[in-house]
C-alpha atoms as a PDB file:
ATOM      1  CA  MET A   1     -36.834 111.650 -15.679  1.00  0.00           C
ATOM      2  CA  LYS A   2     -39.206 112.801 -18.368  1.00  0.00           C
ATOM      3  CA  VAL A   3     -42.304 114.593 -17.329  1.00  0.00           C
ATOM      4  CA  LEU A   4     -45.375 115.605 -19.417  1.00  0.00           C
ATOM      5  CA  VAL A   5     -47.450 118.498 -17.993  1.00  0.00           C
ATOM      6  CA  THR A   6     -51.044 119.097 -19.201  1.00  0.00           C
ATOM      7  CA  GLY A   7     -52.421 122.634 -18.804  1.00  0.00           C
ATOM      8  CA  ALA A   8     -48.935 124.054 -19.026  1.00  0.00           C
ATOM      9  CA  ASN A   9     -50.231 127.578 -19.743  1.00  0.00           C
ATOM     10  CA  GLY A  10     -52.548 127.564 -16.750  1.00  0.00           C
ATOM     11  CA  GLN A  11     -51.877 129.092 -13.380  1.00  0.00           C
ATOM     12  CA  LEU A  12     -50.383 126.014 -11.806  1.00  0.00           C
ATOM     13  CA  GLY A  13     -48.933 124.451 -14.971  1.00  0.00           C
ATOM     14  CA  PHE A  14     -46.996 127.549 -15.699  1.00  0.00           C
ATOM     15  CA  ASP A  15     -45.058 127.293 -12.391  1.00  0.00           C
ATOM     16  CA  VAL A  16     -44.637 123.527 -12.647  1.00  0.00           C
ATOM     17  CA  ILE A  17     -42.878 124.062 -15.980  1.00  0.00           C
ATOM     18  CA  LYS A  18     -40.695 126.706 -14.389  1.00  0.00           C
ATOM     19  CA  ARG A  19     -39.750 124.359 -11.571  1.00  0.00           C
ATOM     20  CA  LEU A  20     -38.973 121.434 -13.883  1.00  0.00           C
ATOM     21  CA  ASP A  21     -36.853 123.726 -15.970  1.00  0.00           C
ATOM     22  CA  SER A  22     -34.960 125.060 -12.975  1.00  0.00           C
ATOM     23  CA  GLU A  23     -34.099 121.511 -11.932  1.00  0.00           C
ATOM     24  CA  GLY A  24     -33.042 120.598 -15.405  1.00  0.00           C
ATOM     25  CA  LYS A  25     -35.565 117.910 -15.880  1.00  0.00           C
ATOM     26  CA  ASP A  26     -36.664 116.728 -19.343  1.00  0.00           C
ATOM     27  CA  TYR A  27     -40.241 117.876 -19.896  1.00  0.00           C
ATOM     28  CA  LEU A  28     -42.987 118.551 -22.350  1.00  0.00           C
ATOM     29  CA  GLY A  29     -45.587 121.192 -21.608  1.00  0.00           C
ATOM     30  CA  THR A  30     -48.942 120.764 -23.393  1.00  0.00           C
ATOM     31  CA  ASP A  31     -51.878 123.179 -23.798  1.00  0.00           C
ATOM     32  CA  ARG A  32     -55.344 122.994 -25.196  1.00  0.00           C
ATOM     33  CA  GLU A  33     -54.011 123.439 -28.705  1.00  0.00           C
ATOM     34  CA  SER A  34     -51.325 120.769 -28.640  1.00  0.00           C
ATOM     35  CA  LEU A  35     -53.279 118.249 -26.525  1.00  0.00           C
ATOM     36  CA  ASP A  36     -57.159 118.193 -26.281  1.00  0.00           C
ATOM     37  CA  ILE A  37     -57.516 115.981 -23.240  1.00  0.00           C
ATOM     38  CA  THR A  38     -61.218 115.210 -24.270  1.00  0.00           C
ATOM     39  CA  ASN A  39     -59.919 113.463 -27.428  1.00  0.00           C
ATOM     40  CA  ILE A  40     -58.966 109.961 -26.374  1.00  0.00           C
ATOM     41  CA  GLU A  41     -57.013 109.142 -29.540  1.00  0.00           C
ATOM     42  CA  GLN A  42     -54.957 112.327 -29.272  1.00  0.00           C
ATOM     43  CA  VAL A  43     -54.267 111.750 -25.587  1.00  0.00           C
ATOM     44  CA  LYS A  44     -52.966 108.291 -26.119  1.00  0.00           C
ATOM     45  CA  ARG A  45     -50.912 109.263 -29.101  1.00  0.00           C
ATOM     46  CA  VAL A  46     -49.193 112.368 -27.545  1.00  0.00           C
ATOM     47  CA  ILE A  47     -48.428 110.606 -24.178  1.00  0.00           C
ATOM     48  CA  SER A  48     -47.328 107.454 -25.940  1.00  0.00           C
ATOM     49  CA  ASP A  49     -45.043 109.292 -28.390  1.00  0.00           C
ATOM     50  CA  TYR A  50     -43.382 111.315 -25.621  1.00  0.00           C
ATOM     51  CA  ASN A  51     -43.283 108.271 -23.278  1.00  0.00           C
ATOM     52  CA  PRO A  52     -42.794 110.201 -20.055  1.00  0.00           C
ATOM     53  CA  ASP A  53     -41.943 108.613 -16.700  1.00  0.00           C
ATOM     54  CA  ALA A  54     -44.602 110.798 -15.104  1.00  0.00           C
ATOM     55  CA  VAL A  55     -47.577 113.083 -16.071  1.00  0.00           C
ATOM     56  CA  ILE A  56     -48.611 116.063 -13.961  1.00  0.00           C
ATOM     57  CA  HIS A  57     -52.173 116.663 -14.929  1.00  0.00           C
ATOM     58  CA  CYS A  58     -52.966 120.306 -14.362  1.00  0.00           C
ATOM     59  CA  ALA A  59     -55.440 120.818 -17.159  1.00  0.00           C
ATOM     60  CA  ALA A  60     -59.038 121.275 -15.885  1.00  0.00           C
ATOM     61  CA  TYR A  61     -62.311 123.087 -16.166  1.00  0.00           C
ATOM     62  CA  THR A  62     -62.255 125.495 -13.205  1.00  0.00           C
ATOM     63  CA  SER A  63     -65.130 127.974 -13.775  1.00  0.00           C
ATOM     64  CA  VAL A  64     -66.976 126.902 -10.558  1.00  0.00           C
ATOM     65  CA  ASP A  65     -70.167 129.007 -11.241  1.00  0.00           C
ATOM     66  CA  LYS A  66     -70.277 128.388 -15.031  1.00  0.00           C
ATOM     67  CA  ALA A  67     -69.993 124.676 -14.348  1.00  0.00           C
ATOM     68  CA  GLU A  68     -73.568 124.718 -12.971  1.00  0.00           C
ATOM     69  CA  ASP A  69     -74.790 125.590 -16.563  1.00  0.00           C
ATOM     70  CA  GLU A  70     -71.930 123.951 -18.657  1.00  0.00           C
ATOM     71  CA  LYS A  71     -72.205 120.573 -17.088  1.00  0.00           C
ATOM     72  CA  GLU A  72     -71.447 118.548 -20.254  1.00  0.00           C
ATOM     73  CA  LEU A  73     -68.261 120.477 -20.941  1.00  0.00           C
ATOM     74  CA  CYS A  74     -67.169 120.409 -17.319  1.00  0.00           C
ATOM     75  CA  TYR A  75     -67.696 116.581 -17.172  1.00  0.00           C
ATOM     76  CA  SER A  76     -65.969 116.076 -20.402  1.00  0.00           C
ATOM     77  CA  VAL A  77     -62.765 117.933 -19.304  1.00  0.00           C
ATOM     78  CA  ASN A  78     -62.620 116.960 -15.599  1.00  0.00           C
ATOM     79  CA  VAL A  79     -63.854 113.368 -15.597  1.00  0.00           C
ATOM     80  CA  LEU A  80     -63.470 112.039 -19.257  1.00  0.00           C
ATOM     81  CA  GLY A  81     -60.244 113.941 -19.787  1.00  0.00           C
ATOM     82  CA  THR A  82     -58.716 112.696 -16.574  1.00  0.00           C
ATOM     83  CA  LYS A  83     -59.846 109.182 -17.413  1.00  0.00           C
ATOM     84  CA  TYR A  84     -58.118 109.259 -20.743  1.00  0.00           C
ATOM     85  CA  VAL A  85     -54.880 110.634 -19.241  1.00  0.00           C
ATOM     86  CA  ALA A  86     -54.951 108.010 -16.548  1.00  0.00           C
ATOM     87  CA  GLU A  87     -55.469 105.192 -19.075  1.00  0.00           C
ATOM     88  CA  ALA A  88     -52.611 106.461 -21.234  1.00  0.00           C
ATOM     89  CA  CYS A  89     -50.326 106.581 -18.172  1.00  0.00           C
ATOM     90  CA  LYS A  90     -51.294 102.931 -17.377  1.00  0.00           C
ATOM     91  CA  GLU A  91     -50.338 101.865 -20.908  1.00  0.00           C
ATOM     92  CA  ILE A  92     -46.793 103.170 -20.497  1.00  0.00           C
ATOM     93  CA  ASN A  93     -46.437 102.454 -16.755  1.00  0.00           C
ATOM     94  CA  ALA A  94     -46.067 106.233 -16.011  1.00  0.00           C
ATOM     95  CA  LYS A  95     -46.759 107.893 -12.686  1.00  0.00           C
ATOM     96  CA  MET A  96     -49.613 110.422 -12.527  1.00  0.00           C
ATOM     97  CA  VAL A  97     -50.191 113.494 -10.431  1.00  0.00           C
ATOM     98  CA  TYR A  98     -53.804 114.567 -10.457  1.00  0.00           C
ATOM     99  CA  ILE A  99     -54.658 117.986  -9.151  1.00  0.00           C
ATOM    100  CA  SER A 100     -57.930 117.958  -7.154  1.00  0.00           C
ATOM    101  CA  THR A 101     -59.692 120.421  -4.807  1.00  0.00           C
ATOM    102  CA  ASP A 102     -61.070 121.257  -1.432  1.00  0.00           C
ATOM    103  CA  TYR A 103     -64.417 121.418  -3.190  1.00  0.00           C
ATOM    104  CA  VAL A 104     -64.735 117.595  -3.075  1.00  0.00           C
ATOM    105  CA  PHE A 105     -65.842 118.164   0.576  1.00  0.00           C
ATOM    106  CA  ASP A 106     -69.170 119.606   1.755  1.00  0.00           C
ATOM    107  CA  GLY A 107     -67.546 122.142   4.129  1.00  0.00           C
ATOM    108  CA  GLU A 108     -69.484 121.008   7.201  1.00  0.00           C
ATOM    109  CA  GLY A 109     -68.005 121.410  10.672  1.00  0.00           C
ATOM    110  CA  ASP A 110     -64.893 123.372  11.668  1.00  0.00           C
ATOM    111  CA  LYS A 111     -62.173 120.728  11.704  1.00  0.00           C
ATOM    112  CA  PRO A 112     -59.580 120.274   9.015  1.00  0.00           C
ATOM    113  CA  PHE A 113     -60.580 117.530   6.491  1.00  0.00           C
ATOM    114  CA  GLU A 114     -58.251 114.524   6.598  1.00  0.00           C
ATOM    115  CA  VAL A 115     -57.248 112.641   3.382  1.00  0.00           C
ATOM    116  CA  THR A 116     -59.298 109.693   4.676  1.00  0.00           C
ATOM    117  CA  ASP A 117     -62.538 111.686   5.086  1.00  0.00           C
ATOM    118  CA  LYS A 118     -65.301 110.787   2.646  1.00  0.00           C
ATOM    119  CA  PRO A 119     -65.864 113.452  -0.082  1.00  0.00           C
ATOM    120  CA  ASN A 120     -69.359 114.960  -0.448  1.00  0.00           C
ATOM    121  CA  PRO A 121     -69.294 117.770  -3.032  1.00  0.00           C
ATOM    122  CA  ILE A 122     -71.990 120.434  -2.888  1.00  0.00           C
ATOM    123  CA  ASN A 123     -71.449 121.857  -6.472  1.00  0.00           C
ATOM    124  CA  TYR A 124     -71.005 120.392  -9.835  1.00  0.00           C
ATOM    125  CA  TYR A 125     -67.362 121.430 -10.306  1.00  0.00           C
ATOM    126  CA  GLY A 126     -66.509 119.593  -7.033  1.00  0.00           C
ATOM    127  CA  GLN A 127     -68.444 116.588  -8.133  1.00  0.00           C
ATOM    128  CA  THR A 128     -66.495 116.251 -11.397  1.00  0.00           C
ATOM    129  CA  LYS A 129     -63.115 116.687  -9.686  1.00  0.00           C
ATOM    130  CA  TYR A 130     -63.992 113.917  -7.200  1.00  0.00           C
ATOM    131  CA  GLU A 131     -65.183 111.650 -10.111  1.00  0.00           C
ATOM    132  CA  GLY A 132     -61.746 112.453 -11.666  1.00  0.00           C
ATOM    133  CA  GLU A 133     -60.071 111.257  -8.534  1.00  0.00           C
ATOM    134  CA  LEU A 134     -62.000 107.989  -8.843  1.00  0.00           C
ATOM    135  CA  GLU A 135     -60.993 107.518 -12.488  1.00  0.00           C
ATOM    136  CA  VAL A 136     -57.291 107.886 -11.496  1.00  0.00           C
ATOM    137  CA  GLN A 137     -57.634 105.427  -8.645  1.00  0.00           C
ATOM    138  CA  LYS A 138     -59.495 102.987 -10.860  1.00  0.00           C
ATOM    139  CA  SER A 139     -56.895 102.931 -13.548  1.00  0.00           C
ATOM    140  CA  LEU A 140     -53.638 103.321 -11.653  1.00  0.00           C
ATOM    141  CA  ASP A 141     -51.544 102.168  -8.715  1.00  0.00           C
ATOM    142  CA  LYS A 142     -48.893 104.684  -9.298  1.00  0.00           C
ATOM    143  CA  TYR A 143     -50.743 107.938  -8.659  1.00  0.00           C
ATOM    144  CA  PHE A 144     -50.708 111.065  -6.471  1.00  0.00           C
ATOM    145  CA  VAL A 145     -54.072 112.759  -5.914  1.00  0.00           C
ATOM    146  CA  VAL A 146     -53.329 116.268  -4.598  1.00  0.00           C
ATOM    147  CA  ARG A 147     -56.105 118.346  -3.191  1.00  0.00           C
ATOM    148  CA  ILE A 148     -55.451 122.110  -3.173  1.00  0.00           C
ATOM    149  CA  SER A 149     -57.420 125.252  -2.318  1.00  0.00           C
ATOM    150  CA  TRP A 150     -57.676 129.033  -3.027  1.00  0.00           C
ATOM    151  CA  VAL A 151     -54.930 128.961  -5.729  1.00  0.00           C
ATOM    152  CA  PHE A 152     -52.860 132.000  -6.718  1.00  0.00           C
ATOM    153  CA  GLY A 153     -49.776 132.701  -8.736  1.00  0.00           C
ATOM    154  CA  SER A 154     -48.354 135.135 -11.260  1.00  0.00           C
ATOM    155  CA  ASN A 155     -50.003 133.525 -14.280  1.00  0.00           C
ATOM    156  CA  GLY A 156     -53.821 133.744 -14.648  1.00  0.00           C
ATOM    157  CA  ASN A 157     -56.657 135.330 -12.674  1.00  0.00           C
ATOM    158  CA  ASN A 158     -56.947 134.841  -8.934  1.00  0.00           C
ATOM    159  CA  PHE A 159     -58.140 136.384  -5.734  1.00  0.00           C
ATOM    160  CA  VAL A 160     -54.955 138.284  -4.906  1.00  0.00           C
ATOM    161  CA  LYS A 161     -54.827 139.931  -8.367  1.00  0.00           C
ATOM    162  CA  THR A 162     -58.500 140.806  -8.028  1.00  0.00           C
ATOM    163  CA  MET A 163     -57.906 142.368  -4.586  1.00  0.00           C
ATOM    164  CA  LEU A 164     -54.899 144.427  -5.860  1.00  0.00           C
ATOM    165  CA  ARG A 165     -56.969 145.698  -8.820  1.00  0.00           C
ATOM    166  CA  LEU A 166     -59.943 146.517  -6.680  1.00  0.00           C
ATOM    167  CA  GLY A 167     -57.689 148.252  -4.144  1.00  0.00           C
ATOM    168  CA  LYS A 168     -56.601 150.692  -6.890  1.00  0.00           C
ATOM    169  CA  GLU A 169     -60.204 151.282  -7.882  1.00  0.00           C
ATOM    170  CA  ARG A 170     -61.917 151.585  -4.579  1.00  0.00           C
ATOM    171  CA  ASP A 171     -61.447 152.835  -1.004  1.00  0.00           C
ATOM    172  CA  GLU A 172     -63.753 150.172   0.453  1.00  0.00           C
ATOM    173  CA  ILE A 173     -64.832 146.657  -0.440  1.00  0.00           C
ATOM    174  CA  SER A 174     -66.750 143.743   1.159  1.00  0.00           C
ATOM    175  CA  VAL A 175     -65.322 140.191   1.421  1.00  0.00           C
ATOM    176  CA  VAL A 176     -66.832 137.088   2.636  1.00  0.00           C
ATOM    177  CA  ALA A 177     -65.716 136.234   6.236  1.00  0.00           C
ATOM    178  CA  ASP A 178     -67.410 132.905   7.019  1.00  0.00           C
ATOM    179  CA  GLN A 179     -65.583 130.656   4.498  1.00  0.00           C
ATOM    180  CA  ILE A 180     -62.264 129.388   6.093  1.00  0.00           C
ATOM    181  CA  GLY A 181     -59.568 127.758   4.170  1.00  0.00           C
ATOM    182  CA  SER A 182     -55.872 128.019   3.032  1.00  0.00           C
ATOM    183  CA  PRO A 183     -54.354 129.861   0.109  1.00  0.00           C
ATOM    184  CA  THR A 184     -52.070 127.908  -2.143  1.00  0.00           C
ATOM    185  CA  TYR A 185     -49.216 129.676  -3.832  1.00  0.00           C
ATOM    186  CA  THR A 186     -48.398 127.970  -7.119  1.00  0.00           C
ATOM    187  CA  PRO A 187     -44.558 128.219  -6.999  1.00  0.00           C
ATOM    188  CA  ASP A 188     -44.642 126.546  -3.569  1.00  0.00           C
ATOM    189  CA  LEU A 189     -47.028 123.848  -4.721  1.00  0.00           C
ATOM    190  CA  ALA A 190     -44.973 123.217  -7.916  1.00  0.00           C
ATOM    191  CA  LYS A 191     -41.868 122.538  -5.793  1.00  0.00           C
ATOM    192  CA  LEU A 192     -43.749 119.935  -3.799  1.00  0.00           C
ATOM    193  CA  LEU A 193     -45.204 118.285  -6.954  1.00  0.00           C
ATOM    194  CA  VAL A 194     -41.837 117.925  -8.560  1.00  0.00           C
ATOM    195  CA  GLU A 195     -40.409 116.494  -5.265  1.00  0.00           C
ATOM    196  CA  MET A 196     -43.239 113.909  -5.350  1.00  0.00           C
ATOM    197  CA  LEU A 197     -42.166 112.559  -8.665  1.00  0.00           C
ATOM    198  CA  ASP A 198     -38.903 111.259  -7.095  1.00  0.00           C
ATOM    199  CA  THR A 199     -40.817 109.175  -4.612  1.00  0.00           C
ATOM    200  CA  ASP A 200     -43.035 106.122  -4.670  1.00  0.00           C
ATOM    201  CA  LYS A 201     -45.246 107.282  -1.779  1.00  0.00           C
ATOM    202  CA  TYR A 202     -48.421 107.082  -3.780  1.00  0.00           C
ATOM    203  CA  GLY A 203     -51.853 108.081  -2.478  1.00  0.00           C
ATOM    204  CA  VAL A 204     -54.018 111.057  -1.617  1.00  0.00           C
ATOM    205  CA  TYR A 205     -52.602 114.261  -0.255  1.00  0.00           C
ATOM    206  CA  HIS A 206     -53.666 117.740   0.848  1.00  0.00           C
ATOM    207  CA  ALA A 207     -51.272 120.475   0.002  1.00  0.00           C
ATOM    208  CA  SER A 208     -51.797 124.144   0.543  1.00  0.00           C
ATOM    209  CA  ASN A 209     -49.947 126.849   2.333  1.00  0.00           C
ATOM    210  CA  ASP A 210     -49.571 126.528   6.119  1.00  0.00           C
ATOM    211  CA  GLY A 211     -52.315 128.024   8.338  1.00  0.00           C
ATOM    212  CA  TYR A 212     -56.002 128.884   7.798  1.00  0.00           C
ATOM    213  CA  CYS A 213     -57.844 132.166   7.259  1.00  0.00           C
ATOM    214  CA  SER A 214     -61.144 133.551   5.875  1.00  0.00           C
ATOM    215  CA  TRP A 215     -61.267 135.288   2.541  1.00  0.00           C
ATOM    216  CA  TYR A 216     -61.752 138.475   4.543  1.00  0.00           C
ATOM    217  CA  GLU A 217     -58.558 137.867   6.460  1.00  0.00           C
ATOM    218  CA  PHE A 218     -56.809 137.033   3.229  1.00  0.00           C
ATOM    219  CA  ALA A 219     -57.890 140.311   1.647  1.00  0.00           C
ATOM    220  CA  CYS A 220     -56.805 142.253   4.770  1.00  0.00           C
ATOM    221  CA  GLU A 221     -53.318 140.688   4.654  1.00  0.00           C
ATOM    222  CA  ILE A 222     -52.946 141.370   0.945  1.00  0.00           C
ATOM    223  CA  PHE A 223     -53.714 145.109   1.465  1.00  0.00           C
ATOM    224  CA  LYS A 224     -51.596 145.256   4.497  1.00  0.00           C
ATOM    225  CA  GLN A 225     -48.495 143.833   2.791  1.00  0.00           C
ATOM    226  CA  ALA A 226     -49.128 145.791  -0.379  1.00  0.00           C
ATOM    227  CA  GLU A 227     -49.349 148.998   1.708  1.00  0.00           C
ATOM    228  CA  MET A 228     -52.739 149.901   0.286  1.00  0.00           C
ATOM    229  CA  ASP A 229     -55.253 151.902   2.404  1.00  0.00           C
ATOM    230  CA  VAL A 230     -58.529 149.943   1.636  1.00  0.00           C
ATOM    231  CA  LYS A 231     -61.264 149.481   4.147  1.00  0.00           C
ATOM    232  CA  VAL A 232     -62.430 145.755   4.083  1.00  0.00           C
ATOM    233  CA  ASN A 233     -65.893 144.975   5.334  1.00  0.00           C
ATOM    234  CA  PRO A 234     -66.616 141.356   6.484  1.00  0.00           C
ATOM    235  CA  ILE A 235     -69.857 139.884   5.135  1.00  0.00           C
ATOM    236  CA  LYS A 236     -71.641 136.505   5.227  1.00  0.00           C
ATOM    237  CA  THR A 237     -71.761 133.989   2.388  1.00  0.00           C
ATOM    238  CA  ASP A 238     -75.561 134.599   2.246  1.00  0.00           C
ATOM    239  CA  ASP A 239     -74.844 138.250   1.516  1.00  0.00           C
ATOM    240  CA  TYR A 240     -72.883 137.356  -1.606  1.00  0.00           C
ATOM    241  CA  PRO A 241     -74.977 134.800  -3.526  1.00  0.00           C
ATOM    242  CA  THR A 242     -73.189 132.756  -6.213  1.00  0.00           C
ATOM    243  CA  LYS A 243     -74.511 130.172  -8.777  1.00  0.00           C
ATOM    244  CA  ALA A 244     -72.618 127.340  -7.157  1.00  0.00           C
ATOM    245  CA  ARG A 245     -72.588 126.762  -3.458  1.00  0.00           C
ATOM    246  CA  ARG A 246     -69.219 127.099  -1.742  1.00  0.00           C
ATOM    247  CA  PRO A 247     -68.088 125.012   1.293  1.00  0.00           C
ATOM    248  CA  LYS A 248     -67.704 127.178   4.407  1.00  0.00           C
ATOM    249  CA  ASN A 249     -65.093 124.933   5.921  1.00  0.00           C
ATOM    250  CA  SER A 250     -62.239 124.379   3.366  1.00  0.00           C
ATOM    251  CA  ARG A 251     -59.607 123.599   5.916  1.00  0.00           C
ATOM    252  CA  LEU A 252     -57.438 120.748   4.738  1.00  0.00           C
ATOM    253  CA  SER A 253     -55.214 118.777   7.067  1.00  0.00           C
ATOM    254  CA  LYS A 254     -51.709 118.937   5.626  1.00  0.00           C
ATOM    255  CA  LYS A 255     -50.194 116.129   7.829  1.00  0.00           C
ATOM    256  CA  SER A 256     -49.953 113.857   4.826  1.00  0.00           C
ATOM    257  CA  ILE A 257     -47.423 115.920   2.974  1.00  0.00           C
ATOM    258  CA  TYR A 258     -44.721 115.358   5.637  1.00  0.00           C
ATOM    259  CA  ALA A 259     -44.350 111.954   4.179  1.00  0.00           C
ATOM    260  CA  ILE A 260     -43.043 113.664   1.021  1.00  0.00           C
ATOM    261  CA  SER A 261     -41.289 116.756   2.176  1.00  0.00           C
ATOM    262  CA  LYS A 262     -39.571 117.938   5.362  1.00  0.00           C
ATOM    263  CA  GLN A 263     -40.320 121.504   4.292  1.00  0.00           C
ATOM    264  CA  PRO A 264     -43.972 121.706   3.513  1.00  0.00           C
ATOM    265  CA  LEU A 265     -45.467 124.764   2.018  1.00  0.00           C
ATOM    266  CA  LEU A 266     -44.813 128.100   3.779  1.00  0.00           C
ATOM    267  CA  GLU A 267     -47.211 129.937   5.975  1.00  0.00           C
ATOM    268  CA  TRP A 268     -49.872 131.632   3.807  1.00  0.00           C
ATOM    269  CA  GLN A 269     -48.817 135.131   4.902  1.00  0.00           C
ATOM    270  CA  LYS A 270     -45.220 134.457   3.608  1.00  0.00           C
ATOM    271  CA  SER A 271     -46.691 133.216   0.330  1.00  0.00           C
ATOM    272  CA  ILE A 272     -48.333 136.684  -0.174  1.00  0.00           C
ATOM    273  CA  ARG A 273     -44.941 138.315   0.496  1.00  0.00           C
ATOM    274  CA  SER A 274     -43.334 135.980  -2.122  1.00  0.00           C
ATOM    275  CA  TYR A 275     -46.048 136.824  -4.606  1.00  0.00           C
ATOM    276  CA  LEU A 276     -45.754 140.555  -4.203  1.00  0.00           C
ATOM    277  CA  TYR A 277     -41.888 140.283  -4.345  1.00  0.00           C
ATOM    278  CA  GLU A 278     -42.127 138.356  -7.562  1.00  0.00           C
ATOM    279  CA  SER A 279     -44.710 140.642  -9.081  1.00  0.00           C
ATOM    280  CA  ASN A 280     -42.607 143.721  -8.393  1.00  0.00           C
ATOM    281  CA  SER A 281     -39.259 142.289  -9.508  1.00  0.00           C
END
């Protein structure tokens, strides 16, 4: 199987490439320099020339707050870029994996969102990711839409790295405690995505590490496992205003991924342990 990965230098793409390599699969990783997904002619040429059996589309505009001001750029990457990749996949009959987000939901209530629940984004980034989902579904039958949340890995910036840095600089920090969701460790997710490629169980999936926590609980666990003596104060979302609104309930029901894997992603606490072990090895 030949697999093309967009956004190969990004946080998730980096680990997808590592997973494909470890499994001995034939792959091509592309970045912004080698594949501008907003250029339709280039997208069709690169994908057609490589002629993959599947494309894992990791490239995205992910600056949630900046998206409120850079709407044209965000739309160009997340909607038009996704549309072009999907159309190119259709032309060569390739499978497509599209990475989406918990931000397609409004965060109301306290129950985990099911894959069948209707999206209702409350920020522009979430809106463009949802429109990207629609473009994939409009163009293809052979697709996997995979919604993830609170992503962290060894490559790129993320909440875990930020906490570890702040923990070295401060004795006390404040973290939002009324937003609930699940961390997603990129090596765990990459394993699942590569597994998906060997199936024809197409559709929409929710994939994040097992269990739920608040950002506050996430931070406390990071410091506990890293053996750092930092006081963490719980605060409300209203006490930490951001340009883009965040959903308070980002719980995603992961029942769907059992159709793909008998071993879904590990508990989020174990994913922190894996991250710290990898970072220190």
